[in-house]
Amino acid sequence: GSLSLNYLRPVLISADIVLRADILAVEARTTHLVCHLIA
């Protein structure tokens, strides 16, 4: 439904990446999440 990203620093192509998604809230038809890409 919506996606907003804040690119804080470049990610090296050689990096192993971990994504961590946390559910913030659940409504009848929507789920709100926050995600951190860690490199």
PDB file of all heavy atoms in Angstrom:
ATOM      1  N   GLY A   1       0.831  -1.201   0.000  1.00  0.00           N
ATOM      2  CA  GLY A   1       0.000   0.000   0.000  1.00  0.00           C
ATOM      3  C   GLY A   1       0.866   1.251   0.000  1.00  0.00           C
ATOM      4  O   GLY A   1       0.582   2.222  -0.683  1.00  0.00           O
ATOM      5  N   SER A   2       1.941   1.213   0.765  1.00  0.00           N
ATOM      6  CA  SER A   2       2.904   2.314   0.771  1.00  0.00           C
ATOM      7  C   SER A   2       4.253   1.778   1.206  1.00  0.00           C
ATOM      8  O   SER A   2       4.346   0.804   1.964  1.00  0.00           O
ATOM      9  CB  SER A   2       2.456   3.449   1.696  1.00  0.00           C
ATOM     10  OG  SER A   2       2.478   3.034   3.042  1.00  0.00           O
ATOM     11  N   LEU A   3       5.286   2.423   0.690  1.00  0.00           N
ATOM     12  CA  LEU A   3       6.656   2.057   1.031  1.00  0.00           C
ATOM     13  C   LEU A   3       7.483   3.336   1.039  1.00  0.00           C
ATOM     14  O   LEU A   3       7.475   4.080   0.056  1.00  0.00           O
ATOM     15  CB  LEU A   3       7.230   1.067   0.009  1.00  0.00           C
ATOM     16  CG  LEU A   3       8.718   0.734   0.124  1.00  0.00           C
ATOM     17  CD1 LEU A   3       9.045   0.047   1.446  1.00  0.00           C
ATOM     18  CD2 LEU A   3       9.149  -0.152  -1.051  1.00  0.00           C
ATOM     19  N   SER A   4       8.133   3.601   2.155  1.00  0.00           N
ATOM     20  CA  SER A   4       9.054   4.736   2.212  1.00  0.00           C
ATOM     21  C   SER A   4      10.401   4.230   2.693  1.00  0.00           C
ATOM     22  O   SER A   4      10.473   3.376   3.590  1.00  0.00           O
ATOM     23  CB  SER A   4       8.527   5.835   3.135  1.00  0.00           C
ATOM     24  OG  SER A   4       8.456   5.374   4.464  1.00  0.00           O
ATOM     25  N   LEU A   5      11.443   4.738   2.055  1.00  0.00           N
ATOM     26  CA  LEU A   5      12.798   4.288   2.361  1.00  0.00           C
ATOM     27  C   LEU A   5      13.682   5.480   2.669  1.00  0.00           C
ATOM     28  O   LEU A   5      13.579   6.514   2.001  1.00  0.00           O
ATOM     29  CB  LEU A   5      13.401   3.538   1.166  1.00  0.00           C
ATOM     30  CG  LEU A   5      12.657   2.283   0.757  1.00  0.00           C
ATOM     31  CD1 LEU A   5      12.211   2.374  -0.664  1.00  0.00           C
ATOM     32  CD2 LEU A   5      13.557   1.095   0.945  1.00  0.00           C
ATOM     33  N   ASN A   6      14.536   5.315   3.651  1.00  0.00           N
ATOM     34  CA  ASN A   6      15.593   6.278   3.946  1.00  0.00           C
ATOM     35  C   ASN A   6      16.915   5.557   3.743  1.00  0.00           C
ATOM     36  O   ASN A   6      17.267   4.666   4.526  1.00  0.00           O
ATOM     37  CB  ASN A   6      15.485   6.806   5.381  1.00  0.00           C
ATOM     38  CG  ASN A   6      14.288   7.697   5.574  1.00  0.00           C
ATOM     39  OD1 ASN A   6      13.983   8.511   4.714  1.00  0.00           O
ATOM     40  ND2 ASN A   6      13.608   7.535   6.691  1.00  0.00           N
ATOM     41  N   TYR A   7      17.611   5.942   2.669  1.00  0.00           N
ATOM     42  CA  TYR A   7      18.921   5.371   2.375  1.00  0.00           C
ATOM     43  C   TYR A   7      19.942   6.140   3.209  1.00  0.00           C
ATOM     44  O   TYR A   7      20.184   7.320   2.972  1.00  0.00           O
ATOM     45  CB  TYR A   7      19.229   5.493   0.882  1.00  0.00           C
ATOM     46  CG  TYR A   7      18.328   4.655   0.004  1.00  0.00           C
ATOM     47  CD1 TYR A   7      17.108   5.133  -0.447  1.00  0.00           C
ATOM     48  CD2 TYR A   7      18.722   3.382  -0.391  1.00  0.00           C
ATOM     49  CE1 TYR A   7      16.290   4.365  -1.261  1.00  0.00           C
ATOM     50  CE2 TYR A   7      17.913   2.602  -1.214  1.00  0.00           C
ATOM     51  CZ  TYR A   7      16.697   3.097  -1.641  1.00  0.00           C
ATOM     52  OH  TYR A   7      15.897   2.336  -2.455  1.00  0.00           O
ATOM     53  N   LEU A   8      20.528   5.482   4.197  1.00  0.00           N
ATOM     54  CA  LEU A   8      21.426   6.139   5.139  1.00  0.00           C
ATOM     55  C   LEU A   8      22.888   6.071   4.714  1.00  0.00           C
ATOM     56  O   LEU A   8      23.673   6.956   5.045  1.00  0.00           O
ATOM     57  CB  LEU A   8      21.270   5.515   6.531  1.00  0.00           C
ATOM     58  CG  LEU A   8      19.836   5.511   7.078  1.00  0.00           C
ATOM     59  CD1 LEU A   8      19.766   4.713   8.367  1.00  0.00           C
ATOM     60  CD2 LEU A   8      19.355   6.942   7.268  1.00  0.00           C
ATOM     61  N   ARG A   9      23.245   5.001   4.022  1.00  0.00           N
ATOM     62  CA  ARG A   9      24.621   4.833   3.541  1.00  0.00           C
ATOM     63  C   ARG A   9      24.611   3.842   2.384  1.00  0.00           C
ATOM     64  O   ARG A   9      23.715   3.002   2.295  1.00  0.00           O
ATOM     65  CB  ARG A   9      25.546   4.357   4.659  1.00  0.00           C
ATOM     66  CG  ARG A   9      25.180   3.035   5.276  1.00  0.00           C
ATOM     67  CD  ARG A   9      26.115   2.544   6.390  1.00  0.00           C
ATOM     68  NE  ARG A   9      26.672   3.551   7.226  1.00  0.00           N
ATOM     69  CZ  ARG A   9      26.142   4.005   8.361  1.00  0.00           C
ATOM     70  NH1 ARG A   9      25.003   3.498   8.785  1.00  0.00           N
ATOM     71  NH2 ARG A   9      26.731   4.921   9.080  1.00  0.00           N
ATOM     72  N   PRO A  10      25.587   3.948   1.492  1.00  0.00           N
ATOM     73  CA  PRO A  10      25.649   2.987   0.384  1.00  0.00           C
ATOM     74  C   PRO A  10      25.906   1.573   0.901  1.00  0.00           C
ATOM     75  O   PRO A  10      26.491   1.391   1.973  1.00  0.00           O
ATOM     76  CB  PRO A  10      26.836   3.470  -0.461  1.00  0.00           C
ATOM     77  CG  PRO A  10      27.235   4.792   0.078  1.00  0.00           C
ATOM     78  CD  PRO A  10      26.649   4.933   1.451  1.00  0.00           C
ATOM     79  N   VAL A  11      25.463   0.603   0.130  1.00  0.00           N
ATOM     80  CA  VAL A  11      25.643  -0.803   0.484  1.00  0.00           C
ATOM     81  C   VAL A  11      26.618  -1.420  -0.515  1.00  0.00           C
ATOM     82  O   VAL A  11      26.376  -1.386  -1.731  1.00  0.00           O
ATOM     83  CB  VAL A  11      24.297  -1.560   0.442  1.00  0.00           C
ATOM     84  CG1 VAL A  11      24.502  -3.040   0.749  1.00  0.00           C
ATOM     85  CG2 VAL A  11      23.299  -0.936   1.407  1.00  0.00           C
ATOM     86  N   LEU A  12      27.710  -1.946  -0.012  1.00  0.00           N
ATOM     87  CA  LEU A  12      28.682  -2.580  -0.889  1.00  0.00           C
ATOM     88  C   LEU A  12      28.075  -3.824  -1.535  1.00  0.00           C
ATOM     89  O   LEU A  12      27.370  -4.596  -0.877  1.00  0.00           O
ATOM     90  CB  LEU A  12      29.946  -2.959  -0.118  1.00  0.00           C
ATOM     91  CG  LEU A  12      30.828  -1.796   0.344  1.00  0.00           C
ATOM     92  CD1 LEU A  12      31.952  -2.301   1.235  1.00  0.00           C
ATOM     93  CD2 LEU A  12      31.393  -1.055  -0.869  1.00  0.00           C
ATOM     94  N   ILE A  13      28.369  -4.015  -2.804  1.00  0.00           N
ATOM     95  CA  ILE A  13      27.863  -5.176  -3.545  1.00  0.00           C
ATOM     96  C   ILE A  13      28.396  -6.480  -2.926  1.00  0.00           C
ATOM     97  O   ILE A  13      27.758  -7.519  -2.999  1.00  0.00           O
ATOM     98  CB  ILE A  13      28.203  -5.067  -5.047  1.00  0.00           C
ATOM     99  CG1 ILE A  13      27.369  -6.043  -5.868  1.00  0.00           C
ATOM    100  CG2 ILE A  13      29.681  -5.278  -5.302  1.00  0.00           C
ATOM    101  CD1 ILE A  13      25.977  -5.586  -6.130  1.00  0.00           C
ATOM    102  N   SER A  14      29.528  -6.397  -2.261  1.00  0.00           N
ATOM    103  CA  SER A  14      30.139  -7.584  -1.653  1.00  0.00           C
ATOM    104  C   SER A  14      29.594  -7.900  -0.266  1.00  0.00           C
ATOM    105  O   SER A  14      29.951  -8.923   0.325  1.00  0.00           O
ATOM    106  CB  SER A  14      31.656  -7.388  -1.569  1.00  0.00           C
ATOM    107  OG  SER A  14      31.956  -6.248  -0.781  1.00  0.00           O
ATOM    108  N   ALA A  15      28.707  -7.049   0.248  1.00  0.00           N
ATOM    109  CA  ALA A  15      28.213  -7.221   1.620  1.00  0.00           C
ATOM    110  C   ALA A  15      27.160  -8.320   1.713  1.00  0.00           C
ATOM    111  O   ALA A  15      26.330  -8.481   0.819  1.00  0.00           O
ATOM    112  CB  ALA A  15      27.615  -5.907   2.128  1.00  0.00           C
ATOM    113  N   ASP A  16      27.229  -9.066   2.797  1.00  0.00           N
ATOM    114  CA  ASP A  16      26.121  -9.948   3.149  1.00  0.00           C
ATOM    115  C   ASP A  16      25.117  -9.074   3.889  1.00  0.00           C
ATOM    116  O   ASP A  16      25.472  -8.352   4.816  1.00  0.00           O
ATOM    117  CB  ASP A  16      26.583 -11.103   4.041  1.00  0.00           C
ATOM    118  CG  ASP A  16      27.341 -12.160   3.263  1.00  0.00           C
ATOM    119  OD1 ASP A  16      26.987 -12.389   2.089  1.00  0.00           O
ATOM    120  OD2 ASP A  16      28.277 -12.743   3.821  1.00  0.00           O
ATOM    121  N   ILE A  17      23.875  -9.167   3.481  1.00  0.00           N
ATOM    122  CA  ILE A  17      22.830  -8.274   3.971  1.00  0.00           C
ATOM    123  C   ILE A  17      21.870  -9.042   4.864  1.00  0.00           C
ATOM    124  O   ILE A  17      21.502 -10.176   4.560  1.00  0.00           O
ATOM    125  CB  ILE A  17      22.078  -7.666   2.775  1.00  0.00           C
ATOM    126  CG1 ILE A  17      23.025  -6.749   2.012  1.00  0.00           C
ATOM    127  CG2 ILE A  17      20.821  -6.930   3.209  1.00  0.00           C
ATOM    128  CD1 ILE A  17      22.505  -6.358   0.658  1.00  0.00           C
ATOM    129  N   VAL A  18      21.458  -8.397   5.939  1.00  0.00           N
ATOM    130  CA  VAL A  18      20.410  -8.929   6.810  1.00  0.00           C
ATOM    131  C   VAL A  18      19.265  -7.922   6.796  1.00  0.00           C
ATOM    132  O   VAL A  18      19.484  -6.719   6.977  1.00  0.00           O
ATOM    133  CB  VAL A  18      20.903  -9.150   8.256  1.00  0.00           C
ATOM    134  CG1 VAL A  18      19.747  -9.573   9.154  1.00  0.00           C
ATOM    135  CG2 VAL A  18      22.017 -10.177   8.285  1.00  0.00           C
ATOM    136  N   LEU A  19      18.068  -8.418   6.559  1.00  0.00           N
ATOM    137  CA  LEU A  19      16.862  -7.608   6.647  1.00  0.00           C
ATOM    138  C   LEU A  19      16.126  -8.014   7.913  1.00  0.00           C
ATOM    139  O   LEU A  19      15.959  -9.207   8.178  1.00  0.00           O
ATOM    140  CB  LEU A  19      15.955  -7.847   5.440  1.00  0.00           C
ATOM    141  CG  LEU A  19      16.577  -7.552   4.078  1.00  0.00           C
ATOM    142  CD1 LEU A  19      15.762  -8.192   2.973  1.00  0.00           C
ATOM    143  CD2 LEU A  19      16.694  -6.070   3.876  1.00  0.00           C
ATOM    144  N   ARG A  20      15.687  -7.001   8.678  1.00  0.00           N
ATOM    145  CA  ARG A  20      14.942  -7.263   9.907  1.00  0.00           C
ATOM    146  C   ARG A  20      13.640  -6.484   9.817  1.00  0.00           C
ATOM    147  O   ARG A  20      13.652  -5.251   9.829  1.00  0.00           O
ATOM    148  CB  ARG A  20      15.753  -6.811  11.110  1.00  0.00           C
ATOM    149  CG  ARG A  20      15.062  -7.013  12.425  1.00  0.00           C
ATOM    150  CD  ARG A  20      15.878  -6.416  13.577  1.00  0.00           C
ATOM    151  NE  ARG A  20      15.123  -6.490  14.789  1.00  0.00           N
ATOM    152  CZ  ARG A  20      15.262  -7.442  15.701  1.00  0.00           C
ATOM    153  NH1 ARG A  20      16.134  -8.390  15.530  1.00  0.00           N
ATOM    154  NH2 ARG A  20      14.511  -7.432  16.781  1.00  0.00           N
ATOM    155  N   ALA A  21      12.528  -7.204   9.710  1.00  0.00           N
ATOM    156  CA  ALA A  21      11.206  -6.573   9.631  1.00  0.00           C
ATOM    157  C   ALA A  21      10.474  -6.801  10.945  1.00  0.00           C
ATOM    158  O   ALA A  21      10.431  -7.922  11.459  1.00  0.00           O
ATOM    159  CB  ALA A  21      10.395  -7.154   8.478  1.00  0.00           C
ATOM    160  N   ASP A  22       9.918  -5.717  11.470  1.00  0.00           N
ATOM    161  CA  ASP A  22       9.140  -5.775  12.707  1.00  0.00           C
ATOM    162  C   ASP A  22       7.725  -5.296  12.423  1.00  0.00           C
ATOM    163  O   ASP A  22       7.533  -4.247  11.797  1.00  0.00           O
ATOM    164  CB  ASP A  22       9.767  -4.871  13.778  1.00  0.00           C
ATOM    165  CG  ASP A  22      11.123  -5.371  14.217  1.00  0.00           C
ATOM    166  OD1 ASP A  22      11.169  -6.431  14.873  1.00  0.00           O
ATOM    167  OD2 ASP A  22      12.138  -4.712  13.904  1.00  0.00           O
ATOM    168  N   ILE A  23       6.748  -6.066  12.886  1.00  0.00           N
ATOM    169  CA  ILE A  23       5.350  -5.669  12.742  1.00  0.00           C
ATOM    170  C   ILE A  23       5.048  -4.628  13.805  1.00  0.00           C
ATOM    171  O   ILE A  23       5.249  -4.862  14.996  1.00  0.00           O
ATOM    172  CB  ILE A  23       4.418  -6.887  12.884  1.00  0.00           C
ATOM    173  CG1 ILE A  23       4.708  -7.887  11.756  1.00  0.00           C
ATOM    174  CG2 ILE A  23       2.955  -6.458  12.894  1.00  0.00           C
ATOM    175  CD1 ILE A  23       4.026  -9.219  11.914  1.00  0.00           C
ATOM    176  N   LEU A  24       4.566  -3.470  13.351  1.00  0.00           N
ATOM    177  CA  LEU A  24       4.241  -2.381  14.268  1.00  0.00           C
ATOM    178  C   LEU A  24       2.781  -2.414  14.696  1.00  0.00           C
ATOM    179  O   LEU A  24       2.468  -2.167  15.859  1.00  0.00           O
ATOM    180  CB  LEU A  24       4.535  -1.033  13.609  1.00  0.00           C
ATOM    181  CG  LEU A  24       5.981  -0.779  13.200  1.00  0.00           C
ATOM    182  CD1 LEU A  24       6.093   0.550  12.468  1.00  0.00           C
ATOM    183  CD2 LEU A  24       6.894  -0.810  14.423  1.00  0.00           C
ATOM    184  N   ALA A  25       1.883  -2.676  13.733  1.00  0.00           N
ATOM    185  CA  ALA A  25       0.442  -2.668  14.024  1.00  0.00           C
ATOM    186  C   ALA A  25      -0.282  -3.491  12.974  1.00  0.00           C
ATOM    187  O   ALA A  25       0.129  -3.551  11.818  1.00  0.00           O
ATOM    188  CB  ALA A  25      -0.099  -1.240  14.020  1.00  0.00           C
ATOM    189  N   VAL A  26      -1.373  -4.111  13.408  1.00  0.00           N
ATOM    190  CA  VAL A  26      -2.222  -4.887  12.517  1.00  0.00           C
ATOM    191  C   VAL A  26      -3.641  -4.363  12.632  1.00  0.00           C
ATOM    192  O   VAL A  26      -4.153  -4.207  13.750  1.00  0.00           O
ATOM    193  CB  VAL A  26      -2.178  -6.393  12.857  1.00  0.00           C
ATOM    194  CG1 VAL A  26      -3.124  -7.183  11.965  1.00  0.00           C
ATOM    195  CG2 VAL A  26      -0.756  -6.922  12.760  1.00  0.00           C
ATOM    196  N   GLU A  27      -4.245  -4.072  11.484  1.00  0.00           N
ATOM    197  CA  GLU A  27      -5.635  -3.633  11.429  1.00  0.00           C
ATOM    198  C   GLU A  27      -6.406  -4.669  10.607  1.00  0.00           C
ATOM    199  O   GLU A  27      -5.845  -5.680  10.199  1.00  0.00           O
ATOM    200  CB  GLU A  27      -5.702  -2.243  10.808  1.00  0.00           C
ATOM    201  CG  GLU A  27      -4.939  -1.196  11.626  1.00  0.00           C
ATOM    202  CD  GLU A  27      -4.730   0.115  10.897  1.00  0.00           C
ATOM    203  OE1 GLU A  27      -5.273   0.283   9.781  1.00  0.00           O
ATOM    204  OE2 GLU A  27      -4.004   0.966  11.438  1.00  0.00           O
ATOM    205  N   ALA A  28      -7.674  -4.414  10.360  1.00  0.00           N
ATOM    206  CA  ALA A  28      -8.528  -5.392   9.672  1.00  0.00           C
ATOM    207  C   ALA A  28      -7.920  -5.877   8.355  1.00  0.00           C
ATOM    208  O   ALA A  28      -7.883  -7.075   8.092  1.00  0.00           O
ATOM    209  CB  ALA A  28      -9.912  -4.794   9.434  1.00  0.00           C
ATOM    210  N   ARG A  29      -7.449  -4.960   7.520  1.00  0.00           N
ATOM    211  CA  ARG A  29      -6.911  -5.345   6.210  1.00  0.00           C
ATOM    212  C   ARG A  29      -5.498  -4.851   5.962  1.00  0.00           C
ATOM    213  O   ARG A  29      -4.980  -4.979   4.869  1.00  0.00           O
ATOM    214  CB  ARG A  29      -7.810  -4.804   5.107  1.00  0.00           C
ATOM    215  CG  ARG A  29      -9.183  -5.477   5.049  1.00  0.00           C
ATOM    216  CD  ARG A  29      -9.878  -5.071   3.796  1.00  0.00           C
ATOM    217  NE  ARG A  29      -8.853  -4.741   2.826  1.00  0.00           N
ATOM    218  CZ  ARG A  29      -8.983  -4.704   1.536  1.00  0.00           C
ATOM    219  NH1 ARG A  29     -10.102  -4.924   1.011  1.00  0.00           N
ATOM    220  NH2 ARG A  29      -7.990  -4.399   0.731  1.00  0.00           N
ATOM    221  N   THR A  30      -4.867  -4.256   6.971  1.00  0.00           N
ATOM    222  CA  THR A  30      -3.526  -3.714   6.768  1.00  0.00           C
ATOM    223  C   THR A  30      -2.591  -4.145   7.890  1.00  0.00           C
ATOM    224  O   THR A  30      -3.006  -4.366   9.027  1.00  0.00           O
ATOM    225  CB  THR A  30      -3.534  -2.170   6.697  1.00  0.00           C
ATOM    226  OG1 THR A  30      -4.079  -1.650   7.905  1.00  0.00           O
ATOM    227  CG2 THR A  30      -4.326  -1.669   5.508  1.00  0.00           C
ATOM    228  N   THR A  31      -1.338  -4.247   7.521  1.00  0.00           N
ATOM    229  CA  THR A  31      -0.266  -4.513   8.475  1.00  0.00           C
ATOM    230  C   THR A  31       0.804  -3.456   8.243  1.00  0.00           C
ATOM    231  O   THR A  31       1.204  -3.217   7.103  1.00  0.00           O
ATOM    232  CB  THR A  31       0.314  -5.924   8.289  1.00  0.00           C
ATOM    233  OG1 THR A  31      -0.740  -6.883   8.441  1.00  0.00           O
ATOM    234  CG2 THR A  31       1.411  -6.217   9.301  1.00  0.00           C
ATOM    235  N   HIS A  32       1.246  -2.833   9.324  1.00  0.00           N
ATOM    236  CA  HIS A  32       2.273  -1.794   9.251  1.00  0.00           C
ATOM    237  C   HIS A  32       3.573  -2.381   9.792  1.00  0.00           C
ATOM    238  O   HIS A  32       3.587  -2.982  10.870  1.00  0.00           O
ATOM    239  CB  HIS A  32       1.856  -0.572  10.069  1.00  0.00           C
ATOM    240  CG  HIS A  32       0.538  -0.015   9.636  1.00  0.00           C
ATOM    241  ND1 HIS A  32       0.407   0.850   8.573  1.00  0.00           N
ATOM    242  CD2 HIS A  32      -0.713  -0.223  10.107  1.00  0.00           C
ATOM    243  CE1 HIS A  32      -0.867   1.169   8.422  1.00  0.00           C
ATOM    244  NE2 HIS A  32      -1.567   0.514   9.334  1.00  0.00           N
ATOM    245  N   LEU A  33       4.642  -2.189   9.015  1.00  0.00           N
ATOM    246  CA  LEU A  33       5.934  -2.764   9.382  1.00  0.00           C
ATOM    247  C   LEU A  33       7.038  -1.728   9.257  1.00  0.00           C
ATOM    248  O   LEU A  33       6.918  -0.765   8.495  1.00  0.00           O
ATOM    249  CB  LEU A  33       6.281  -3.938   8.456  1.00  0.00           C
ATOM    250  CG  LEU A  33       5.284  -5.070   8.369  1.00  0.00           C
ATOM    251  CD1 LEU A  33       4.461  -4.954   7.110  1.00  0.00           C
ATOM    252  CD2 LEU A  33       5.981  -6.401   8.397  1.00  0.00           C
ATOM    253  N   VAL A  34       8.119  -1.968   9.973  1.00  0.00           N
ATOM    254  CA  VAL A  34       9.358  -1.221   9.807  1.00  0.00           C
ATOM    255  C   VAL A  34      10.426  -2.257   9.475  1.00  0.00           C
ATOM    256  O   VAL A  34      10.386  -3.393   9.975  1.00  0.00           O
ATOM    257  CB  VAL A  34       9.720  -0.402  11.064  1.00  0.00           C
ATOM    258  CG1 VAL A  34       9.986  -1.283  12.255  1.00  0.00           C
ATOM    259  CG2 VAL A  34      10.895   0.514  10.797  1.00  0.00           C
ATOM    260  N   CYS A  35      11.350  -1.873   8.595  1.00  0.00           N
ATOM    261  CA  CYS A  35      12.392  -2.806   8.181  1.00  0.00           C
ATOM    262  C   CYS A  35      13.738  -2.095   8.178  1.00  0.00           C
ATOM    263  O   CYS A  35      13.837  -0.941   7.743  1.00  0.00           O
ATOM    264  CB  CYS A  35      12.080  -3.357   6.787  1.00  0.00           C
ATOM    265  SG  CYS A  35      13.213  -4.657   6.246  1.00  0.00           S
ATOM    266  N   HIS A  36      14.742  -2.782   8.656  1.00  0.00           N
ATOM    267  CA  HIS A  36      16.117  -2.270   8.628  1.00  0.00           C
ATOM    268  C   HIS A  36      16.951  -3.205   7.761  1.00  0.00           C
ATOM    269  O   HIS A  36      16.929  -4.425   7.968  1.00  0.00           O
ATOM    270  CB  HIS A  36      16.704  -2.204  10.037  1.00  0.00           C
ATOM    271  CG  HIS A  36      16.024  -1.195  10.887  1.00  0.00           C
ATOM    272  ND1 HIS A  36      14.939  -1.494  11.670  1.00  0.00           N
ATOM    273  CD2 HIS A  36      16.258   0.126  11.043  1.00  0.00           C
ATOM    274  CE1 HIS A  36      14.540  -0.400  12.296  1.00  0.00           C
ATOM    275  NE2 HIS A  36      15.311   0.598  11.924  1.00  0.00           N
ATOM    276  N   LEU A  37      17.653  -2.621   6.805  1.00  0.00           N
ATOM    277  CA  LEU A  37      18.622  -3.367   6.013  1.00  0.00           C
ATOM    278  C   LEU A  37      19.977  -3.108   6.650  1.00  0.00           C
ATOM    279  O   LEU A  37      20.416  -1.959   6.757  1.00  0.00           O
ATOM    280  CB  LEU A  37      18.611  -2.906   4.553  1.00  0.00           C
ATOM    281  CG  LEU A  37      19.533  -3.677   3.614  1.00  0.00           C
ATOM    282  CD1 LEU A  37      18.934  -3.755   2.226  1.00  0.00           C
ATOM    283  CD2 LEU A  37      20.922  -3.067   3.561  1.00  0.00           C
ATOM    284  N   ILE A  38      20.607  -4.181   7.079  1.00  0.00           N
ATOM    285  CA  ILE A  38      21.877  -4.090   7.797  1.00  0.00           C
ATOM    286  C   ILE A  38      22.963  -4.704   6.927  1.00  0.00           C
ATOM    287  O   ILE A  38      22.835  -5.836   6.451  1.00  0.00           O
ATOM    288  CB  ILE A  38      21.778  -4.814   9.152  1.00  0.00           C
ATOM    289  CG1 ILE A  38      20.650  -4.189   9.979  1.00  0.00           C
ATOM    290  CG2 ILE A  38      23.111  -4.779   9.901  1.00  0.00           C
ATOM    291  CD1 ILE A  38      20.129  -5.057  11.098  1.00  0.00           C
ATOM    292  N   ALA A  39      24.014  -3.918   6.700  1.00  0.00           N
ATOM    293  CA  ALA A  39      25.163  -4.381   5.922  1.00  0.00           C
ATOM    294  C   ALA A  39      26.417  -4.008   6.693  1.00  0.00           C
ATOM    295  O   ALA A  39      26.528  -2.886   7.210  1.00  0.00           O
ATOM    296  CB  ALA A  39      25.174  -3.731   4.545  1.00  0.00           C
TER     297      ALA A  39
END
